[in-house]
């Protein structure tokens, strides 16, 4: 049961409408994401260079973003390796019988969720990208100004 604690905490943080999805049937990882209304998963390393300020804000810790259908998003404050390990845990969890999964979900649902690496942002991801671009421009202007004063 402890083996699946971080997986169940992660899935609970996604705010699924019905936890029977975890118990009934066998679902692949991408189906879980669709059920959670996640339309895109983005590694911060894939964000174009114009969002460099954003990368500075989040380094050295890796980040991933799970973007929902409505544009809001989850920030996953961990590495792509952790995300991949969750998908492998999901596959192993889905191999268990429905009765066993129900016992695990019930037991872990009674426990207080751990401080997980997943944080829901109720604002559109595009809004945050725009904000990061603006901040990057401001930083570049300050950097350019500092260089100009240094050469005087």
N, C-alpha and C. Protein backbone atom coordinates (compact mmCIF):
# COMPACT_ATOMS: atom_id res chain seq x y z
N UNK A 1 0.82 -1.19 0.00
CA UNK A 1 0.00 0.00 0.00
C UNK A 1 0.87 1.26 0.00
N UNK A 2 1.93 1.23 0.81
CA UNK A 2 2.84 2.37 0.87
C UNK A 2 3.46 2.62 -0.51
N UNK A 3 3.64 1.57 -1.25
CA UNK A 3 4.23 1.68 -2.59
C UNK A 3 3.46 2.67 -3.47
N UNK A 4 2.15 2.73 -3.31
CA UNK A 4 1.32 3.56 -4.19
C UNK A 4 0.91 4.89 -3.55
N UNK A 5 1.48 5.22 -2.40
CA UNK A 5 1.09 6.45 -1.70
C UNK A 5 1.30 7.69 -2.55
N UNK A 6 2.48 7.86 -3.13
CA UNK A 6 2.72 9.09 -3.90
C UNK A 6 1.87 9.12 -5.17
N UNK A 7 1.61 7.96 -5.76
CA UNK A 7 0.73 7.91 -6.93
C UNK A 7 -0.68 8.36 -6.56
N UNK A 8 -1.22 7.81 -5.48
CA UNK A 8 -2.58 8.16 -5.07
C UNK A 8 -2.64 9.62 -4.65
N UNK A 9 -1.62 10.13 -3.97
CA UNK A 9 -1.58 11.56 -3.62
C UNK A 9 -1.59 12.42 -4.88
N UNK A 10 -0.81 12.01 -5.88
CA UNK A 10 -0.77 12.73 -7.15
C UNK A 10 -2.14 12.74 -7.82
N UNK A 11 -2.77 11.56 -7.89
CA UNK A 11 -4.07 11.45 -8.55
C UNK A 11 -5.12 12.25 -7.77
N UNK A 12 -5.07 12.20 -6.46
CA UNK A 12 -6.01 13.00 -5.64
C UNK A 12 -5.84 14.48 -5.92
N UNK A 13 -4.57 14.92 -6.07
CA UNK A 13 -4.30 16.33 -6.34
C UNK A 13 -4.85 16.77 -7.70
N UNK A 14 -5.02 15.83 -8.62
CA UNK A 14 -5.60 16.16 -9.92
C UNK A 14 -7.07 16.51 -9.82
N UNK A 15 -7.70 16.14 -8.70
CA UNK A 15 -9.10 16.50 -8.48
C UNK A 15 -10.07 15.75 -9.37
N UNK A 16 -9.89 14.46 -9.52
CA UNK A 16 -10.80 13.65 -10.34
C UNK A 16 -12.22 13.75 -9.82
N UNK A 17 -13.16 13.74 -10.76
CA UNK A 17 -14.58 13.82 -10.40
C UNK A 17 -15.06 12.57 -9.68
N UNK A 18 -14.50 11.43 -10.05
CA UNK A 18 -14.98 10.16 -9.52
C UNK A 18 -13.78 9.24 -9.30
N UNK A 19 -13.56 8.85 -8.04
CA UNK A 19 -12.43 7.98 -7.75
C UNK A 19 -12.66 6.53 -8.18
N UNK A 20 -13.87 6.21 -8.63
CA UNK A 20 -14.10 4.88 -9.18
C UNK A 20 -13.25 4.63 -10.42
N UNK A 21 -12.83 5.69 -11.05
CA UNK A 21 -11.94 5.57 -12.22
C UNK A 21 -10.67 4.82 -11.84
N UNK A 22 -10.23 5.00 -10.59
CA UNK A 22 -9.02 4.33 -10.11
C UNK A 22 -9.26 2.84 -9.86
N UNK A 23 -10.50 2.50 -9.62
CA UNK A 23 -10.83 1.15 -9.16
C UNK A 23 -11.41 0.27 -10.26
N UNK A 24 -12.35 0.79 -10.99
CA UNK A 24 -13.07 0.00 -11.99
C UNK A 24 -12.40 0.07 -13.36
N UNK A 25 -12.17 -1.08 -13.93
CA UNK A 25 -11.56 -1.15 -15.25
C UNK A 25 -10.05 -0.94 -15.17
N UNK A 26 -9.43 -1.15 -16.30
CA UNK A 26 -7.98 -0.92 -16.42
C UNK A 26 -7.78 0.18 -17.45
N UNK A 27 -7.12 1.24 -17.01
CA UNK A 27 -6.96 2.42 -17.86
C UNK A 27 -5.48 2.74 -18.04
N UNK A 28 -5.06 3.03 -19.27
CA UNK A 28 -3.68 3.46 -19.47
C UNK A 28 -3.47 4.88 -18.92
N UNK A 29 -2.21 5.25 -18.73
CA UNK A 29 -1.83 6.55 -18.17
C UNK A 29 -2.44 7.71 -18.95
N UNK A 30 -2.39 7.63 -20.29
CA UNK A 30 -2.93 8.74 -21.08
C UNK A 30 -4.44 8.89 -20.89
N UNK A 31 -5.12 7.81 -20.58
CA UNK A 31 -6.55 7.90 -20.31
C UNK A 31 -6.80 8.58 -18.96
N UNK A 32 -5.94 8.33 -17.99
CA UNK A 32 -6.03 9.05 -16.71
C UNK A 32 -5.89 10.55 -16.95
N UNK A 33 -4.91 10.93 -17.75
CA UNK A 33 -4.71 12.35 -18.04
C UNK A 33 -5.93 12.95 -18.73
N UNK A 34 -6.49 12.24 -19.69
CA UNK A 34 -7.71 12.73 -20.36
C UNK A 34 -8.86 12.87 -19.37
N UNK A 35 -9.01 11.89 -18.48
CA UNK A 35 -10.08 11.93 -17.47
C UNK A 35 -9.89 13.12 -16.53
N UNK A 36 -8.64 13.48 -16.27
CA UNK A 36 -8.33 14.63 -15.43
C UNK A 36 -8.36 15.94 -16.22
N UNK A 37 -8.74 15.86 -17.49
CA UNK A 37 -8.86 17.01 -18.38
C UNK A 37 -7.51 17.68 -18.66
N UNK A 38 -6.45 16.86 -18.66
CA UNK A 38 -5.12 17.35 -19.02
C UNK A 38 -4.96 17.16 -20.53
N UNK A 39 -4.71 18.26 -21.22
CA UNK A 39 -4.57 18.15 -22.67
C UNK A 39 -3.11 18.19 -23.14
N UNK A 40 -2.21 18.69 -22.28
CA UNK A 40 -0.82 18.79 -22.70
C UNK A 40 0.08 18.71 -21.47
N UNK A 41 1.20 18.01 -21.63
CA UNK A 41 2.22 17.93 -20.59
C UNK A 41 3.48 18.56 -21.18
N UNK A 42 4.03 19.51 -20.46
CA UNK A 42 5.16 20.28 -20.97
C UNK A 42 6.28 20.30 -19.94
N UNK A 43 7.46 19.87 -20.37
CA UNK A 43 8.66 19.96 -19.54
C UNK A 43 9.17 21.40 -19.66
N UNK A 44 9.52 22.03 -18.55
CA UNK A 44 10.01 23.41 -18.59
C UNK A 44 11.23 23.54 -19.51
N UNK A 45 12.00 22.47 -19.65
CA UNK A 45 13.16 22.50 -20.54
C UNK A 45 12.76 22.69 -22.00
N UNK A 46 11.50 22.41 -22.33
CA UNK A 46 11.02 22.54 -23.71
C UNK A 46 10.53 23.95 -24.02
N UNK A 47 10.47 24.81 -23.00
CA UNK A 47 9.97 26.17 -23.21
C UNK A 47 11.03 26.96 -23.98
N UNK A 48 10.62 27.67 -25.02
CA UNK A 48 11.57 28.40 -25.86
C UNK A 48 12.41 29.41 -25.08
N UNK A 49 13.53 29.77 -25.64
CA UNK A 49 14.49 30.66 -24.99
C UNK A 49 13.91 32.02 -24.62
N UNK A 50 12.90 32.50 -25.33
CA UNK A 50 12.35 33.81 -24.98
C UNK A 50 11.71 33.80 -23.59
N UNK A 51 11.54 32.62 -23.02
CA UNK A 51 10.99 32.52 -21.68
C UNK A 51 12.10 32.24 -20.67
N UNK A 52 13.28 32.74 -20.98
CA UNK A 52 14.45 32.49 -20.14
C UNK A 52 14.23 32.93 -18.69
N UNK A 53 13.54 34.05 -18.49
CA UNK A 53 13.28 34.53 -17.13
C UNK A 53 12.55 33.45 -16.34
N UNK A 54 11.58 32.85 -16.99
CA UNK A 54 10.83 31.77 -16.35
C UNK A 54 11.78 30.66 -15.93
N UNK A 55 12.69 30.30 -16.80
CA UNK A 55 13.63 29.23 -16.48
C UNK A 55 14.50 29.63 -15.30
N UNK A 56 14.91 30.89 -15.24
CA UNK A 56 15.72 31.34 -14.11
C UNK A 56 14.92 31.25 -12.81
N UNK A 57 13.65 31.59 -12.88
CA UNK A 57 12.80 31.53 -11.69
C UNK A 57 12.72 30.12 -11.13
N UNK A 58 12.77 29.13 -11.97
CA UNK A 58 12.54 27.77 -11.52
C UNK A 58 13.80 26.93 -11.43
N UNK A 59 14.92 27.48 -11.78
CA UNK A 59 16.11 26.65 -11.67
C UNK A 59 16.61 26.73 -10.23
N UNK A 60 17.34 25.78 -9.72
CA UNK A 60 17.80 24.62 -10.46
C UNK A 60 16.78 23.48 -10.47
N UNK A 61 15.68 23.63 -9.76
CA UNK A 61 14.71 22.55 -9.70
C UNK A 61 13.94 22.43 -11.01
N UNK A 62 13.84 21.23 -11.55
CA UNK A 62 13.07 21.04 -12.78
C UNK A 62 11.57 21.23 -12.53
N UNK A 63 10.87 21.56 -13.57
CA UNK A 63 9.43 21.74 -13.48
C UNK A 63 8.78 21.12 -14.71
N UNK A 64 7.55 20.70 -14.50
CA UNK A 64 6.72 20.27 -15.60
C UNK A 64 5.38 20.94 -15.43
N UNK A 65 4.66 21.08 -16.52
CA UNK A 65 3.35 21.70 -16.49
C UNK A 65 2.34 20.76 -17.12
N UNK A 66 1.23 20.56 -16.43
CA UNK A 66 0.13 19.75 -16.94
C UNK A 66 -1.00 20.73 -17.24
N UNK A 67 -1.22 20.99 -18.50
CA UNK A 67 -2.15 22.03 -18.92
C UNK A 67 -3.51 21.41 -19.17
N UNK A 68 -4.52 21.99 -18.52
CA UNK A 68 -5.88 21.46 -18.61
C UNK A 68 -6.59 22.01 -19.85
N UNK A 69 -7.70 21.37 -20.18
CA UNK A 69 -8.51 21.78 -21.34
C UNK A 69 -8.96 23.23 -21.25
N UNK A 70 -9.20 23.73 -20.03
CA UNK A 70 -9.68 25.10 -19.86
C UNK A 70 -8.54 26.12 -19.82
N UNK A 71 -7.30 25.67 -20.01
CA UNK A 71 -6.14 26.56 -20.04
C UNK A 71 -5.44 26.70 -18.70
N UNK A 72 -6.13 26.41 -17.60
CA UNK A 72 -5.47 26.44 -16.30
C UNK A 72 -4.48 25.28 -16.25
N UNK A 73 -3.65 25.24 -15.22
CA UNK A 73 -2.62 24.22 -15.25
C UNK A 73 -2.17 23.80 -13.86
N UNK A 74 -1.50 22.67 -13.85
CA UNK A 74 -0.82 22.18 -12.67
C UNK A 74 0.67 22.38 -12.90
N UNK A 75 1.34 22.80 -11.86
CA UNK A 75 2.80 22.88 -11.89
C UNK A 75 3.30 21.67 -11.10
N UNK A 76 4.08 20.86 -11.74
CA UNK A 76 4.67 19.69 -11.11
C UNK A 76 6.13 20.02 -10.82
N UNK A 77 6.41 20.26 -9.55
CA UNK A 77 7.73 20.73 -9.15
C UNK A 77 8.68 19.55 -8.93
N UNK A 78 8.98 18.91 -10.02
CA UNK A 78 9.89 17.77 -9.98
C UNK A 78 10.37 17.46 -11.39
N UNK A 79 11.19 16.47 -11.50
CA UNK A 79 11.82 16.15 -12.78
C UNK A 79 10.92 15.31 -13.68
N UNK A 80 11.22 15.31 -14.96
CA UNK A 80 10.51 14.40 -15.88
C UNK A 80 10.66 12.94 -15.46
N UNK A 81 11.78 12.61 -14.83
CA UNK A 81 11.98 11.23 -14.36
C UNK A 81 10.94 10.85 -13.31
N UNK A 82 10.64 11.78 -12.41
CA UNK A 82 9.61 11.52 -11.40
C UNK A 82 8.26 11.32 -12.07
N UNK A 83 7.95 12.19 -13.03
CA UNK A 83 6.69 12.08 -13.77
C UNK A 83 6.61 10.71 -14.45
N UNK A 84 7.69 10.31 -15.08
CA UNK A 84 7.73 9.00 -15.75
C UNK A 84 7.54 7.87 -14.74
N UNK A 85 8.16 7.99 -13.58
CA UNK A 85 8.00 6.95 -12.56
C UNK A 85 6.55 6.85 -12.09
N UNK A 86 5.85 7.98 -12.04
CA UNK A 86 4.42 7.94 -11.69
C UNK A 86 3.64 7.14 -12.73
N UNK A 87 3.97 7.33 -13.99
CA UNK A 87 3.26 6.59 -15.04
C UNK A 87 3.53 5.09 -14.92
N UNK A 88 4.75 4.72 -14.52
CA UNK A 88 5.07 3.30 -14.31
C UNK A 88 4.34 2.76 -13.09
N UNK A 89 4.25 3.56 -12.03
CA UNK A 89 3.48 3.14 -10.85
C UNK A 89 2.01 2.95 -11.22
N UNK A 90 1.50 3.84 -12.07
CA UNK A 90 0.11 3.72 -12.51
C UNK A 90 -0.11 2.39 -13.24
N UNK A 91 0.81 2.04 -14.13
CA UNK A 91 0.70 0.78 -14.86
C UNK A 91 0.68 -0.41 -13.89
N UNK A 92 1.57 -0.38 -12.90
CA UNK A 92 1.62 -1.46 -11.90
C UNK A 92 0.33 -1.49 -11.08
N UNK A 93 -0.17 -0.33 -10.72
CA UNK A 93 -1.40 -0.23 -9.95
C UNK A 93 -2.58 -0.80 -10.74
N UNK A 94 -2.62 -0.52 -12.03
CA UNK A 94 -3.71 -1.01 -12.88
C UNK A 94 -3.67 -2.52 -13.06
N UNK A 95 -2.52 -3.14 -12.83
CA UNK A 95 -2.41 -4.60 -12.93
C UNK A 95 -3.04 -5.31 -11.74
N UNK A 96 -3.24 -4.59 -10.64
CA UNK A 96 -3.85 -5.18 -9.45
C UNK A 96 -5.33 -5.45 -9.69
N UNK A 97 -5.90 -6.35 -8.92
CA UNK A 97 -7.34 -6.61 -9.03
C UNK A 97 -8.12 -5.39 -8.57
N UNK A 98 -9.35 -5.28 -9.01
CA UNK A 98 -10.20 -4.16 -8.60
C UNK A 98 -10.38 -4.14 -7.09
N UNK A 99 -10.55 -5.31 -6.47
CA UNK A 99 -10.72 -5.37 -5.01
C UNK A 99 -9.49 -4.82 -4.29
N UNK A 100 -8.32 -5.20 -4.77
CA UNK A 100 -7.08 -4.72 -4.14
C UNK A 100 -6.93 -3.22 -4.33
N UNK A 101 -7.22 -2.73 -5.54
CA UNK A 101 -7.14 -1.28 -5.77
C UNK A 101 -8.11 -0.53 -4.88
N UNK A 102 -9.30 -1.09 -4.70
CA UNK A 102 -10.30 -0.43 -3.85
C UNK A 102 -9.80 -0.32 -2.40
N UNK A 103 -9.20 -1.39 -1.89
CA UNK A 103 -8.66 -1.38 -0.53
C UNK A 103 -7.57 -0.31 -0.41
N UNK A 104 -6.68 -0.26 -1.39
CA UNK A 104 -5.58 0.72 -1.36
C UNK A 104 -6.12 2.14 -1.42
N UNK A 105 -7.04 2.40 -2.35
CA UNK A 105 -7.59 3.76 -2.51
C UNK A 105 -8.33 4.16 -1.24
N UNK A 106 -9.14 3.26 -0.69
CA UNK A 106 -9.89 3.58 0.54
C UNK A 106 -8.94 3.89 1.69
N UNK A 107 -7.93 3.04 1.87
CA UNK A 107 -7.00 3.24 2.98
C UNK A 107 -6.21 4.54 2.82
N UNK A 108 -5.71 4.80 1.63
CA UNK A 108 -4.91 6.01 1.42
C UNK A 108 -5.77 7.27 1.40
N UNK A 109 -7.04 7.14 1.04
CA UNK A 109 -7.93 8.29 1.04
C UNK A 109 -8.25 8.76 2.46
N UNK A 110 -8.16 7.85 3.40
CA UNK A 110 -8.40 8.21 4.80
C UNK A 110 -7.21 8.93 5.41
N UNK A 111 -6.05 8.78 4.80
CA UNK A 111 -4.84 9.43 5.29
C UNK A 111 -4.77 10.85 4.74
N UNK A 112 -4.17 11.70 5.50
CA UNK A 112 -3.96 13.06 5.04
C UNK A 112 -2.97 13.03 3.88
N UNK A 113 -3.26 13.74 2.80
CA UNK A 113 -2.33 13.71 1.68
C UNK A 113 -0.99 14.32 2.08
N UNK A 114 0.07 13.76 1.54
CA UNK A 114 1.40 14.30 1.80
C UNK A 114 1.58 15.62 1.06
N UNK A 115 2.60 16.34 1.42
CA UNK A 115 2.91 17.58 0.71
C UNK A 115 3.49 17.20 -0.64
N UNK A 116 2.65 17.12 -1.61
CA UNK A 116 3.08 16.67 -2.92
C UNK A 116 3.68 17.77 -3.76
N UNK A 117 4.29 17.38 -4.85
CA UNK A 117 4.95 18.35 -5.73
C UNK A 117 4.00 18.98 -6.76
N UNK A 118 2.69 18.69 -6.66
CA UNK A 118 1.74 19.18 -7.67
C UNK A 118 0.95 20.34 -7.11
N UNK A 119 0.95 21.45 -7.84
CA UNK A 119 0.23 22.65 -7.41
C UNK A 119 -0.66 23.12 -8.55
N UNK A 120 -1.94 23.36 -8.24
CA UNK A 120 -2.90 23.81 -9.25
C UNK A 120 -2.87 25.33 -9.33
N UNK A 121 -2.76 25.86 -10.54
CA UNK A 121 -2.79 27.31 -10.79
C UNK A 121 -4.09 27.61 -11.53
N UNK A 122 -4.94 28.42 -10.93
CA UNK A 122 -6.26 28.70 -11.50
C UNK A 122 -6.26 29.76 -12.59
N UNK A 123 -5.10 30.13 -13.06
CA UNK A 123 -5.00 31.11 -14.14
C UNK A 123 -4.52 30.41 -15.40
N UNK A 124 -4.84 30.95 -16.56
CA UNK A 124 -4.41 30.31 -17.81
C UNK A 124 -2.89 30.26 -17.95
N UNK A 125 -2.41 29.15 -18.46
CA UNK A 125 -0.98 28.97 -18.68
C UNK A 125 -0.45 30.06 -19.61
N UNK A 126 -1.21 30.40 -20.66
CA UNK A 126 -0.78 31.43 -21.61
C UNK A 126 -0.56 32.77 -20.91
N UNK A 127 -1.40 33.08 -19.92
CA UNK A 127 -1.24 34.30 -19.14
C UNK A 127 0.12 34.31 -18.45
N UNK A 128 0.50 33.18 -17.88
CA UNK A 128 1.80 33.08 -17.21
C UNK A 128 2.95 33.19 -18.21
N UNK A 129 2.80 32.61 -19.39
CA UNK A 129 3.84 32.76 -20.41
C UNK A 129 4.01 34.23 -20.78
N UNK A 130 2.89 34.94 -20.97
CA UNK A 130 2.96 36.36 -21.30
C UNK A 130 3.65 37.14 -20.18
N UNK A 131 3.32 36.81 -18.95
CA UNK A 131 3.92 37.48 -17.80
C UNK A 131 5.43 37.22 -17.77
N UNK A 132 5.83 35.97 -18.04
CA UNK A 132 7.25 35.63 -18.04
C UNK A 132 7.99 36.36 -19.15
N UNK A 133 7.36 36.48 -20.33
CA UNK A 133 8.00 37.20 -21.44
C UNK A 133 8.20 38.66 -21.04
N UNK A 134 7.18 39.26 -20.45
CA UNK A 134 7.27 40.66 -20.02
C UNK A 134 8.40 40.83 -18.99
N UNK A 135 8.48 39.94 -18.02
CA UNK A 135 9.52 40.01 -17.00
C UNK A 135 10.90 39.82 -17.63
N UNK A 136 10.99 38.94 -18.61
CA UNK A 136 12.27 38.72 -19.29
C UNK A 136 12.70 40.00 -20.01
N UNK A 137 11.75 40.67 -20.66
CA UNK A 137 12.09 41.93 -21.35
C UNK A 137 12.57 42.97 -20.36
N UNK A 138 11.88 43.07 -19.20
CA UNK A 138 12.29 44.03 -18.18
C UNK A 138 13.71 43.72 -17.69
N UNK A 139 13.99 42.46 -17.45
CA UNK A 139 15.33 42.07 -17.00
C UNK A 139 16.37 42.37 -18.06
N UNK A 140 16.03 42.09 -19.31
CA UNK A 140 16.97 42.37 -20.41
C UNK A 140 17.23 43.87 -20.49
N UNK A 141 16.17 44.69 -20.34
CA UNK A 141 16.35 46.14 -20.37
C UNK A 141 17.27 46.60 -19.23
N UNK A 142 17.09 46.03 -18.04
CA UNK A 142 17.94 46.38 -16.90
C UNK A 142 19.37 45.92 -17.17
N UNK A 143 19.53 44.70 -17.66
CA UNK A 143 20.88 44.19 -17.98
C UNK A 143 21.56 45.07 -19.03
N UNK A 144 20.80 45.44 -20.08
CA UNK A 144 21.36 46.29 -21.13
C UNK A 144 21.75 47.65 -20.56
N UNK A 145 20.93 48.19 -19.68
CA UNK A 145 21.19 49.49 -19.06
C UNK A 145 22.45 49.41 -18.20
N UNK A 146 22.60 48.33 -17.45
CA UNK A 146 23.79 48.15 -16.62
C UNK A 146 25.04 48.05 -17.48
N UNK A 147 24.95 47.37 -18.61
CA UNK A 147 26.09 47.26 -19.51
C UNK A 147 26.45 48.61 -20.10
N UNK A 148 25.42 49.39 -20.48
CA UNK A 148 25.67 50.71 -21.05
C UNK A 148 26.38 51.62 -20.04
N UNK A 149 25.96 51.56 -18.77
CA UNK A 149 26.58 52.39 -17.75
C UNK A 149 28.00 51.92 -17.45
N UNK A 150 28.25 50.66 -17.59
CA UNK A 150 29.60 50.12 -17.36
C UNK A 150 30.59 50.54 -18.43
N UNK A 151 30.09 50.84 -19.63
CA UNK A 151 30.98 51.21 -20.74
C UNK A 151 31.17 52.72 -20.85
N UNK A 152 30.54 53.52 -20.02
CA UNK A 152 30.65 54.97 -20.13
C UNK A 152 31.95 55.49 -19.60
